[in-house]
Amino acid sequence: MRTTHAKELKPVDERVTARVPTSTRSIIERAAAIYGSTINQFIVQAAVERANEVLQNIEVVKLSARDARTFLDALAKPPKPNKRLLGAVRAHGRLVESRD
């Protein structure tokens, strides 16, 4: 008898359900029809688009042109380490175990 490994299993589609008022379903049905998709396809696409917007707002840092130049200049010409930074590096070496 052959054992099936996890890599050989096909992904299972997950089901997401929601109860909505009739008026909401009607709006979604109309929009899906105009879009040329099923209600399910429309809902999934809309949810993915909104999820990406939410994640981008959290994960992407937006800088003004001036702040972006300042940041890039600091990367290109970093300041020399001061005493406090050097002390922190030494403390890190004493306190943190490396697992390389």
PDB file of N, CA and C in Angstrom:
ATOM      1  N   MET A   1       0.837  -1.180   0.000  1.00  0.00           N
ATOM      2  CA  MET A   1       0.000   0.000   0.000  1.00  0.00           C
ATOM      3  C   MET A   1       0.882   1.244   0.000  1.00  0.00           C
ATOM      4  N   ARG A   2       0.605   2.157  -0.894  1.00  0.00           N
ATOM      5  CA  ARG A   2       1.416   3.365  -1.046  1.00  0.00           C
ATOM      6  C   ARG A   2       0.892   4.466  -0.127  1.00  0.00           C
ATOM      7  N   THR A   3       1.826   5.148   0.562  1.00  0.00           N
ATOM      8  CA  THR A   3       1.461   6.248   1.445  1.00  0.00           C
ATOM      9  C   THR A   3       1.466   7.545   0.649  1.00  0.00           C
ATOM     10  N   THR A   4       0.449   8.372   0.826  1.00  0.00           N
ATOM     11  CA  THR A   4       0.377   9.664   0.147  1.00  0.00           C
ATOM     12  C   THR A   4       1.072  10.714   0.996  1.00  0.00           C
ATOM     13  N   HIS A   5       1.975  11.451   0.395  1.00  0.00           N
ATOM     14  CA  HIS A   5       2.669  12.519   1.086  1.00  0.00           C
ATOM     15  C   HIS A   5       1.894  13.817   0.924  1.00  0.00           C
ATOM     16  N   ALA A   6       2.114  14.756   1.814  1.00  0.00           N
ATOM     17  CA  ALA A   6       1.403  16.032   1.797  1.00  0.00           C
ATOM     18  C   ALA A   6       1.589  16.770   0.473  1.00  0.00           C
ATOM     19  N   LYS A   7       2.758  16.677  -0.126  1.00  0.00           N
ATOM     20  CA  LYS A   7       3.034  17.384  -1.375  1.00  0.00           C
ATOM     21  C   LYS A   7       2.160  16.862  -2.511  1.00  0.00           C
ATOM     22  N   GLU A   8       1.719  15.615  -2.413  1.00  0.00           N
ATOM     23  CA  GLU A   8       0.937  15.014  -3.479  1.00  0.00           C
ATOM     24  C   GLU A   8      -0.549  15.340  -3.377  1.00  0.00           C
ATOM     25  N   LEU A   9      -0.991  15.860  -2.247  1.00  0.00           N
ATOM     26  CA  LEU A   9      -2.399  16.172  -2.065  1.00  0.00           C
ATOM     27  C   LEU A   9      -2.770  17.433  -2.826  1.00  0.00           C
ATOM     28  N   LYS A  10      -3.945  17.420  -3.431  1.00  0.00           N
ATOM     29  CA  LYS A  10      -4.432  18.600  -4.123  1.00  0.00           C
ATOM     30  C   LYS A  10      -5.008  19.561  -3.096  1.00  0.00           C
ATOM     31  N   PRO A  11      -4.848  20.870  -3.341  1.00  0.00           N
ATOM     32  CA  PRO A  11      -5.411  21.832  -2.388  1.00  0.00           C
ATOM     33  C   PRO A  11      -6.941  21.745  -2.377  1.00  0.00           C
ATOM     34  N   VAL A  12      -7.507  21.926  -1.226  1.00  0.00           N
ATOM     35  CA  VAL A  12      -8.955  21.886  -1.064  1.00  0.00           C
ATOM     36  C   VAL A  12      -9.480  23.316  -1.093  1.00  0.00           C
ATOM     37  N   ASP A  13     -10.511  23.535  -1.883  1.00  0.00           N
ATOM     38  CA  ASP A  13     -11.126  24.865  -1.905  1.00  0.00           C
ATOM     39  C   ASP A  13     -11.870  25.074  -0.602  1.00  0.00           C
ATOM     40  N   GLU A  14     -11.668  26.222  -0.006  1.00  0.00           N
ATOM     41  CA  GLU A  14     -12.333  26.565   1.243  1.00  0.00           C
ATOM     42  C   GLU A  14     -13.648  27.261   0.938  1.00  0.00           C
ATOM     43  N   ARG A  15     -14.609  27.075   1.789  1.00  0.00           N
ATOM     44  CA  ARG A  15     -15.914  27.717   1.625  1.00  0.00           C
ATOM     45  C   ARG A  15     -16.037  28.856   2.632  1.00  0.00           C
ATOM     46  N   VAL A  16     -16.518  30.006   2.152  1.00  0.00           N
ATOM     47  CA  VAL A  16     -16.809  31.149   3.004  1.00  0.00           C
ATOM     48  C   VAL A  16     -18.277  31.506   2.763  1.00  0.00           C
ATOM     49  N   THR A  17     -19.027  31.633   3.836  1.00  0.00           N
ATOM     50  CA  THR A  17     -20.437  31.969   3.686  1.00  0.00           C
ATOM     51  C   THR A  17     -20.758  33.226   4.469  1.00  0.00           C
ATOM     52  N   ALA A  18     -21.821  33.906   4.034  1.00  0.00           N
ATOM     53  CA  ALA A  18     -22.256  35.109   4.741  1.00  0.00           C
ATOM     54  C   ALA A  18     -23.765  35.252   4.559  1.00  0.00           C
ATOM     55  N   ARG A  19     -24.408  35.668   5.593  1.00  0.00           N
ATOM     56  CA  ARG A  19     -25.837  35.983   5.509  1.00  0.00           C
ATOM     57  C   ARG A  19     -25.955  37.488   5.293  1.00  0.00           C
ATOM     58  N   VAL A  20     -26.726  37.846   4.270  1.00  0.00           N
ATOM     59  CA  VAL A  20     -26.899  39.270   3.959  1.00  0.00           C
ATOM     60  C   VAL A  20     -28.378  39.555   3.743  1.00  0.00           C
ATOM     61  N   PRO A  21     -28.775  40.807   3.960  1.00  0.00           N
ATOM     62  CA  PRO A  21     -30.158  41.180   3.671  1.00  0.00           C
ATOM     63  C   PRO A  21     -30.452  41.022   2.178  1.00  0.00           C
ATOM     64  N   THR A  22     -31.714  40.828   1.853  1.00  0.00           N
ATOM     65  CA  THR A  22     -32.140  40.669   0.462  1.00  0.00           C
ATOM     66  C   THR A  22     -31.698  41.856  -0.388  1.00  0.00           C
ATOM     67  N   SER A  23     -31.791  43.050   0.168  1.00  0.00           N
ATOM     68  CA  SER A  23     -31.406  44.242  -0.596  1.00  0.00           C
ATOM     69  C   SER A  23     -29.917  44.200  -0.957  1.00  0.00           C
ATOM     70  N   THR A  24     -29.092  43.705  -0.050  1.00  0.00           N
ATOM     71  CA  THR A  24     -27.656  43.597  -0.324  1.00  0.00           C
ATOM     72  C   THR A  24     -27.396  42.558  -1.399  1.00  0.00           C
ATOM     73  N   ARG A  25     -28.072  41.428  -1.304  1.00  0.00           N
ATOM     74  CA  ARG A  25     -27.906  40.386  -2.320  1.00  0.00           C
ATOM     75  C   ARG A  25     -28.322  40.910  -3.697  1.00  0.00           C
ATOM     76  N   SER A  26     -29.392  41.686  -3.756  1.00  0.00           N
ATOM     77  CA  SER A  26     -29.852  42.238  -5.033  1.00  0.00           C
ATOM     78  C   SER A  26     -28.798  43.151  -5.646  1.00  0.00           C
ATOM     79  N   ILE A  27     -28.196  43.984  -4.826  1.00  0.00           N
ATOM     80  CA  ILE A  27     -27.141  44.879  -5.314  1.00  0.00           C
ATOM     81  C   ILE A  27     -25.965  44.073  -5.847  1.00  0.00           C
ATOM     82  N   ILE A  28     -25.569  43.044  -5.104  1.00  0.00           N
ATOM     83  CA  ILE A  28     -24.435  42.205  -5.524  1.00  0.00           C
ATOM     84  C   ILE A  28     -24.778  41.468  -6.812  1.00  0.00           C
ATOM     85  N   GLU A  29     -25.991  40.939  -6.916  1.00  0.00           N
ATOM     86  CA  GLU A  29     -26.411  40.235  -8.134  1.00  0.00           C
ATOM     87  C   GLU A  29     -26.360  41.157  -9.346  1.00  0.00           C
ATOM     88  N   ARG A  30     -26.871  42.372  -9.199  1.00  0.00           N
ATOM     89  CA  ARG A  30     -26.857  43.323 -10.304  1.00  0.00           C
ATOM     90  C   ARG A  30     -25.435  43.663 -10.731  1.00  0.00           C
ATOM     91  N   ALA A  31     -24.588  43.926  -9.739  1.00  0.00           N
ATOM     92  CA  ALA A  31     -23.193  44.276 -10.051  1.00  0.00           C
ATOM     93  C   ALA A  31     -22.473  43.098 -10.700  1.00  0.00           C
ATOM     94  N   ALA A  32     -22.688  41.901 -10.205  1.00  0.00           N
ATOM     95  CA  ALA A  32     -22.039  40.714 -10.781  1.00  0.00           C
ATOM     96  C   ALA A  32     -22.491  40.513 -12.225  1.00  0.00           C
ATOM     97  N   ALA A  33     -23.773  40.716 -12.494  1.00  0.00           N
ATOM     98  CA  ALA A  33     -24.292  40.559 -13.857  1.00  0.00           C
ATOM     99  C   ALA A  33     -23.648  41.577 -14.796  1.00  0.00           C
ATOM    100  N   ILE A  34     -23.538  42.809 -14.340  1.00  0.00           N
ATOM    101  CA  ILE A  34     -22.897  43.851 -15.161  1.00  0.00           C
ATOM    102  C   ILE A  34     -21.437  43.515 -15.397  1.00  0.00           C
ATOM    103  N   TYR A  35     -20.796  42.984 -14.376  1.00  0.00           N
ATOM    104  CA  TYR A  35     -19.374  42.626 -14.444  1.00  0.00           C
ATOM    105  C   TYR A  35     -19.162  41.376 -15.295  1.00  0.00           C
ATOM    106  N   GLY A  36     -20.243  40.594 -15.481  1.00  0.00           N
ATOM    107  CA  GLY A  36     -20.142  39.382 -16.290  1.00  0.00           C
ATOM    108  C   GLY A  36     -19.600  38.197 -15.516  1.00  0.00           C
ATOM    109  N   SER A  37     -19.896  38.140 -14.234  1.00  0.00           N
ATOM    110  CA  SER A  37     -19.405  37.030 -13.419  1.00  0.00           C
ATOM    111  C   SER A  37     -20.531  36.475 -12.563  1.00  0.00           C
ATOM    112  N   THR A  38     -20.236  35.364 -11.927  1.00  0.00           N
ATOM    113  CA  THR A  38     -21.186  34.816 -10.973  1.00  0.00           C
ATOM    114  C   THR A  38     -21.126  35.645  -9.699  1.00  0.00           C
ATOM    115  N   ILE A  39     -22.133  35.475  -8.873  1.00  0.00           N
ATOM    116  CA  ILE A  39     -22.138  36.177  -7.587  1.00  0.00           C
ATOM    117  C   ILE A  39     -20.906  35.779  -6.784  1.00  0.00           C
ATOM    118  N   ASN A  40     -20.616  34.489  -6.766  1.00  0.00           N
ATOM    119  CA  ASN A  40     -19.471  34.002  -6.000  1.00  0.00           C
ATOM    120  C   ASN A  40     -18.162  34.611  -6.506  1.00  0.00           C
ATOM    121  N   GLN A  41     -17.963  34.598  -7.809  1.00  0.00           N
ATOM    122  CA  GLN A  41     -16.742  35.179  -8.383  1.00  0.00           C
ATOM    123  C   GLN A  41     -16.639  36.658  -8.037  1.00  0.00           C
ATOM    124  N   PHE A  42     -17.757  37.360  -8.144  1.00  0.00           N
ATOM    125  CA  PHE A  42     -17.767  38.789  -7.864  1.00  0.00           C
ATOM    126  C   PHE A  42     -17.408  39.059  -6.405  1.00  0.00           C
ATOM    127  N   ILE A  43     -18.012  38.320  -5.496  1.00  0.00           N
ATOM    128  CA  ILE A  43     -17.753  38.512  -4.063  1.00  0.00           C
ATOM    129  C   ILE A  43     -16.303  38.201  -3.729  1.00  0.00           C
ATOM    130  N   VAL A  44     -15.793  37.111  -4.256  1.00  0.00           N
ATOM    131  CA  VAL A  44     -14.399  36.741  -3.967  1.00  0.00           C
ATOM    132  C   VAL A  44     -13.449  37.798  -4.513  1.00  0.00           C
ATOM    133  N   GLN A  45     -13.667  38.249  -5.754  1.00  0.00           N
ATOM    134  CA  GLN A  45     -12.790  39.266  -6.346  1.00  0.00           C
ATOM    135  C   GLN A  45     -12.843  40.566  -5.548  1.00  0.00           C
ATOM    136  N   ALA A  46     -14.047  40.983  -5.174  1.00  0.00           N
ATOM    137  CA  ALA A  46     -14.187  42.215  -4.395  1.00  0.00           C
ATOM    138  C   ALA A  46     -13.498  42.078  -3.032  1.00  0.00           C
ATOM    139  N   ALA A  47     -13.638  40.923  -2.404  1.00  0.00           N
ATOM    140  CA  ALA A  47     -13.007  40.712  -1.095  1.00  0.00           C
ATOM    141  C   ALA A  47     -11.488  40.711  -1.214  1.00  0.00           C
ATOM    142  N   VAL A  48     -10.968  40.082  -2.244  1.00  0.00           N
ATOM    143  CA  VAL A  48      -9.509  40.052  -2.443  1.00  0.00           C
ATOM    144  C   VAL A  48      -8.977  41.457  -2.710  1.00  0.00           C
ATOM    145  N   GLU A  49      -9.673  42.224  -3.547  1.00  0.00           N
ATOM    146  CA  GLU A  49      -9.239  43.596  -3.828  1.00  0.00           C
ATOM    147  C   GLU A  49      -9.228  44.431  -2.552  1.00  0.00           C
ATOM    148  N   ARG A  50     -10.282  44.324  -1.759  1.00  0.00           N
ATOM    149  CA  ARG A  50     -10.354  45.096  -0.510  1.00  0.00           C
ATOM    150  C   ARG A  50      -9.292  44.625   0.477  1.00  0.00           C
ATOM    151  N   ALA A  51      -9.078  43.321   0.565  1.00  0.00           N
ATOM    152  CA  ALA A  51      -8.052  42.790   1.466  1.00  0.00           C
ATOM    153  C   ALA A  51      -6.671  43.320   1.078  1.00  0.00           C
ATOM    154  N   ASN A  52      -6.391  43.363  -0.219  1.00  0.00           N
ATOM    155  CA  ASN A  52      -5.108  43.900  -0.681  1.00  0.00           C
ATOM    156  C   ASN A  52      -4.962  45.373  -0.332  1.00  0.00           C
ATOM    157  N   GLU A  53      -6.042  46.141  -0.442  1.00  0.00           N
ATOM    158  CA  GLU A  53      -6.001  47.555  -0.060  1.00  0.00           C
ATOM    159  C   GLU A  53      -5.682  47.708   1.422  1.00  0.00           C
ATOM    160  N   VAL A  54      -6.362  46.929   2.246  1.00  0.00           N
ATOM    161  CA  VAL A  54      -6.141  46.996   3.695  1.00  0.00           C
ATOM    162  C   VAL A  54      -4.693  46.636   4.022  1.00  0.00           C
ATOM    163  N   LEU A  55      -4.195  45.553   3.442  1.00  0.00           N
ATOM    164  CA  LEU A  55      -2.820  45.126   3.721  1.00  0.00           C
ATOM    165  C   LEU A  55      -1.813  46.146   3.218  1.00  0.00           C
ATOM    166  N   GLN A  56      -2.062  46.727   2.061  1.00  0.00           N
ATOM    167  CA  GLN A  56      -1.128  47.729   1.537  1.00  0.00           C
ATOM    168  C   GLN A  56      -1.087  48.952   2.449  1.00  0.00           C
ATOM    169  N   ASN A  57      -2.239  49.362   2.970  1.00  0.00           N
ATOM    170  CA  ASN A  57      -2.265  50.513   3.874  1.00  0.00           C
ATOM    171  C   ASN A  57      -1.471  50.247   5.147  1.00  0.00           C
ATOM    172  N   ILE A  58      -1.415  49.013   5.565  1.00  0.00           N
ATOM    173  CA  ILE A  58      -0.687  48.656   6.783  1.00  0.00           C
ATOM    174  C   ILE A  58       0.790  48.388   6.490  1.00  0.00           C
ATOM    175  N   GLU A  59       1.087  47.745   5.370  1.00  0.00           N
ATOM    176  CA  GLU A  59       2.435  47.253   5.105  1.00  0.00           C
ATOM    177  C   GLU A  59       3.313  48.216   4.316  1.00  0.00           C
ATOM    178  N   VAL A  60       2.733  49.191   3.631  1.00  0.00           N
ATOM    179  CA  VAL A  60       3.512  50.085   2.786  1.00  0.00           C
ATOM    180  C   VAL A  60       3.702  51.423   3.508  1.00  0.00           C
ATOM    181  N   VAL A  61       4.935  51.850   3.589  1.00  0.00           N
ATOM    182  CA  VAL A  61       5.254  53.140   4.201  1.00  0.00           C
ATOM    183  C   VAL A  61       5.324  54.178   3.086  1.00  0.00           C
ATOM    184  N   LYS A  62       4.542  55.227   3.238  1.00  0.00           N
ATOM    185  CA  LYS A  62       4.520  56.283   2.224  1.00  0.00           C
ATOM    186  C   LYS A  62       5.304  57.478   2.756  1.00  0.00           C
ATOM    187  N   LEU A  63       6.238  57.950   1.936  1.00  0.00           N
ATOM    188  CA  LEU A  63       7.080  59.082   2.313  1.00  0.00           C
ATOM    189  C   LEU A  63       6.869  60.238   1.358  1.00  0.00           C
ATOM    190  N   SER A  64       7.041  61.436   1.877  1.00  0.00           N
ATOM    191  CA  SER A  64       7.044  62.604   0.997  1.00  0.00           C
ATOM    192  C   SER A  64       8.331  62.550   0.174  1.00  0.00           C
ATOM    193  N   ALA A  65       8.396  63.340  -0.875  1.00  0.00           N
ATOM    194  CA  ALA A  65       9.603  63.366  -1.709  1.00  0.00           C
ATOM    195  C   ALA A  65      10.817  63.755  -0.878  1.00  0.00           C
ATOM    196  N   ARG A  66      10.649  64.739   0.025  1.00  0.00           N
ATOM    197  CA  ARG A  66      11.760  65.181   0.874  1.00  0.00           C
ATOM    198  C   ARG A  66      12.204  64.060   1.815  1.00  0.00           C
ATOM    199  N   ASP A  67      11.239  63.386   2.446  1.00  0.00           N
ATOM    200  CA  ASP A  67      11.580  62.300   3.363  1.00  0.00           C
ATOM    201  C   ASP A  67      12.223  61.125   2.629  1.00  0.00           C
ATOM    202  N   ALA A  68      11.757  60.849   1.415  1.00  0.00           N
ATOM    203  CA  ALA A  68      12.346  59.769   0.620  1.00  0.00           C
ATOM    204  C   ALA A  68      13.806  60.081   0.293  1.00  0.00           C
ATOM    205  N   ARG A  69      14.091  61.346  -0.087  1.00  0.00           N
ATOM    206  CA  ARG A  69      15.482  61.743  -0.368  1.00  0.00           C
ATOM    207  C   ARG A  69      16.345  61.599   0.880  1.00  0.00           C
ATOM    208  N   THR A  70      15.819  62.039   2.028  1.00  0.00           N
ATOM    209  CA  THR A  70      16.563  61.935   3.285  1.00  0.00           C
ATOM    210  C   THR A  70      16.879  60.484   3.602  1.00  0.00           C
ATOM    211  N   PHE A  71      15.886  59.603   3.431  1.00  0.00           N
ATOM    212  CA  PHE A  71      16.069  58.178   3.698  1.00  0.00           C
ATOM    213  C   PHE A  71      17.118  57.578   2.761  1.00  0.00           C
ATOM    214  N   LEU A  72      16.992  57.867   1.465  1.00  0.00           N
ATOM    215  CA  LEU A  72      17.950  57.328   0.493  1.00  0.00           C
ATOM    216  C   LEU A  72      19.361  57.868   0.726  1.00  0.00           C
ATOM    217  N   ASP A  73      19.469  59.130   1.108  1.00  0.00           N
ATOM    218  CA  ASP A  73      20.783  59.698   1.424  1.00  0.00           C
ATOM    219  C   ASP A  73      21.405  58.981   2.627  1.00  0.00           C
ATOM    220  N   ALA A  74      20.581  58.683   3.634  1.00  0.00           N
ATOM    221  CA  ALA A  74      21.093  57.981   4.817  1.00  0.00           C
ATOM    222  C   ALA A  74      21.554  56.572   4.457  1.00  0.00           C
ATOM    223  N   LEU A  75      20.867  55.932   3.515  1.00  0.00           N
ATOM    224  CA  LEU A  75      21.309  54.598   3.070  1.00  0.00           C
ATOM    225  C   LEU A  75      22.613  54.686   2.288  1.00  0.00           C
ATOM    226  N   ALA A  76      22.722  55.702   1.452  1.00  0.00           N
ATOM    227  CA  ALA A  76      23.913  55.854   0.610  1.00  0.00           C
ATOM    228  C   ALA A  76      25.123  56.303   1.421  1.00  0.00           C
ATOM    229  N   LYS A  77      24.885  57.165   2.423  1.00  0.00           N
ATOM    230  CA  LYS A  77      25.977  57.704   3.240  1.00  0.00           C
ATOM    231  C   LYS A  77      25.595  57.588   4.719  1.00  0.00           C
ATOM    232  N   PRO A  78      25.648  56.377   5.254  1.00  0.00           N
ATOM    233  CA  PRO A  78      25.234  56.229   6.655  1.00  0.00           C
ATOM    234  C   PRO A  78      26.198  56.947   7.599  1.00  0.00           C
ATOM    235  N   PRO A  79      25.680  57.478   8.701  1.00  0.00           N
ATOM    236  CA  PRO A  79      26.555  58.142   9.674  1.00  0.00           C
ATOM    237  C   PRO A  79      27.438  57.112  10.377  1.00  0.00           C
ATOM    238  N   LYS A  80      28.556  57.579  10.898  1.00  0.00           N
ATOM    239  CA  LYS A  80      29.434  56.684  11.657  1.00  0.00           C
ATOM    240  C   LYS A  80      28.745  56.308  12.961  1.00  0.00           C
ATOM    241  N   PRO A  81      28.964  55.075  13.433  1.00  0.00           N
ATOM    242  CA  PRO A  81      28.323  54.663  14.692  1.00  0.00           C
ATOM    243  C   PRO A  81      28.829  55.495  15.865  1.00  0.00           C
ATOM    244  N   ASN A  82      27.893  55.921  16.734  1.00  0.00           N
ATOM    245  CA  ASN A  82      28.292  56.680  17.916  1.00  0.00           C
ATOM    246  C   ASN A  82      28.531  55.715  19.093  1.00  0.00           C
ATOM    247  N   LYS A  83      28.918  56.258  20.248  1.00  0.00           N
ATOM    248  CA  LYS A  83      29.254  55.421  21.404  1.00  0.00           C
ATOM    249  C   LYS A  83      28.072  54.583  21.861  1.00  0.00           C
ATOM    250  N   ARG A  84      26.880  55.154  21.847  1.00  0.00           N
ATOM    251  CA  ARG A  84      25.707  54.409  22.308  1.00  0.00           C
ATOM    252  C   ARG A  84      25.414  53.218  21.400  1.00  0.00           C
ATOM    253  N   LEU A  85      25.551  53.400  20.097  1.00  0.00           N
ATOM    254  CA  LEU A  85      25.321  52.300  19.168  1.00  0.00           C
ATOM    255  C   LEU A  85      26.366  51.212  19.364  1.00  0.00           C
ATOM    256  N   LEU A  86      27.628  51.612  19.490  1.00  0.00           N
ATOM    257  CA  LEU A  86      28.685  50.618  19.706  1.00  0.00           C
ATOM    258  C   LEU A  86      28.460  49.856  21.011  1.00  0.00           C
ATOM    259  N   GLY A  87      28.011  50.556  22.058  1.00  0.00           N
ATOM    260  CA  GLY A  87      27.694  49.889  23.322  1.00  0.00           C
ATOM    261  C   GLY A  87      26.537  48.918  23.165  1.00  0.00           C
ATOM    262  N   ALA A  88      25.546  49.290  22.391  1.00  0.00           N
ATOM    263  CA  ALA A  88      24.408  48.399  22.161  1.00  0.00           C
ATOM    264  C   ALA A  88      24.834  47.143  21.407  1.00  0.00           C
ATOM    265  N   VAL A  89      25.739  47.290  20.451  1.00  0.00           N
ATOM    266  CA  VAL A  89      26.239  46.134  19.700  1.00  0.00           C
ATOM    267  C   VAL A  89      26.995  45.198  20.637  1.00  0.00           C
ATOM    268  N   ARG A  90      27.818  45.761  21.520  1.00  0.00           N
ATOM    269  CA  ARG A  90      28.552  44.920  22.480  1.00  0.00           C
ATOM    270  C   ARG A  90      27.584  44.215  23.424  1.00  0.00           C
ATOM    271  N   ALA A  91      26.573  44.940  23.910  1.00  0.00           N
ATOM    272  CA  ALA A  91      25.584  44.337  24.809  1.00  0.00           C
ATOM    273  C   ALA A  91      24.824  43.225  24.099  1.00  0.00           C
ATOM    274  N   HIS A  92      24.489  43.443  22.858  1.00  0.00           N
ATOM    275  CA  HIS A  92      23.794  42.415  22.074  1.00  0.00           C
ATOM    276  C   HIS A  92      24.655  41.158  21.994  1.00  0.00           C
ATOM    277  N   GLY A  93      25.935  41.354  21.739  1.00  0.00           N
ATOM    278  CA  GLY A  93      26.850  40.208  21.650  1.00  0.00           C
ATOM    279  C   GLY A  93      26.908  39.416  22.943  1.00  0.00           C
ATOM    280  N   ARG A  94      26.805  40.107  24.074  1.00  0.00           N
ATOM    281  CA  ARG A  94      26.838  39.414  25.372  1.00  0.00           C
ATOM    282  C   ARG A  94      25.501  38.754  25.715  1.00  0.00           C
ATOM    283  N   LEU A  95      24.416  39.382  25.320  1.00  0.00           N
ATOM    284  CA  LEU A  95      23.107  38.946  25.782  1.00  0.00           C
ATOM    285  C   LEU A  95      22.351  38.005  24.842  1.00  0.00           C
ATOM    286  N   VAL A  96      22.675  38.042  23.577  1.00  0.00           N
ATOM    287  CA  VAL A  96      21.909  37.258  22.598  1.00  0.00           C
ATOM    288  C   VAL A  96      22.761  36.120  22.061  1.00  0.00           C
ATOM    289  N   GLU A  97      22.201  34.933  22.106  1.00  0.00           N
ATOM    290  CA  GLU A  97      22.906  33.747  21.608  1.00  0.00           C
ATOM    291  C   GLU A  97      22.641  33.606  20.107  1.00  0.00           C
ATOM    292  N   SER A  98      23.701  33.478  19.327  1.00  0.00           N
ATOM    293  CA  SER A  98      23.560  33.303  17.889  1.00  0.00           C
ATOM    294  C   SER A  98      23.389  31.835  17.565  1.00  0.00           C
ATOM    295  N   ARG A  99      22.522  31.510  16.615  1.00  0.00           N
ATOM    296  CA  ARG A  99      22.287  30.119  16.223  1.00  0.00           C
ATOM    297  C   ARG A  99      22.684  29.891  14.773  1.00  0.00           C
ATOM    298  N   ASP A 100      23.740  30.469  14.351  1.00  0.00           N
ATOM    299  CA  ASP A 100      24.198  30.332  12.955  1.00  0.00           C
ATOM    300  C   ASP A 100      24.639  28.945  12.645  1.00  0.00           C
TER     301      ASP A 100
END
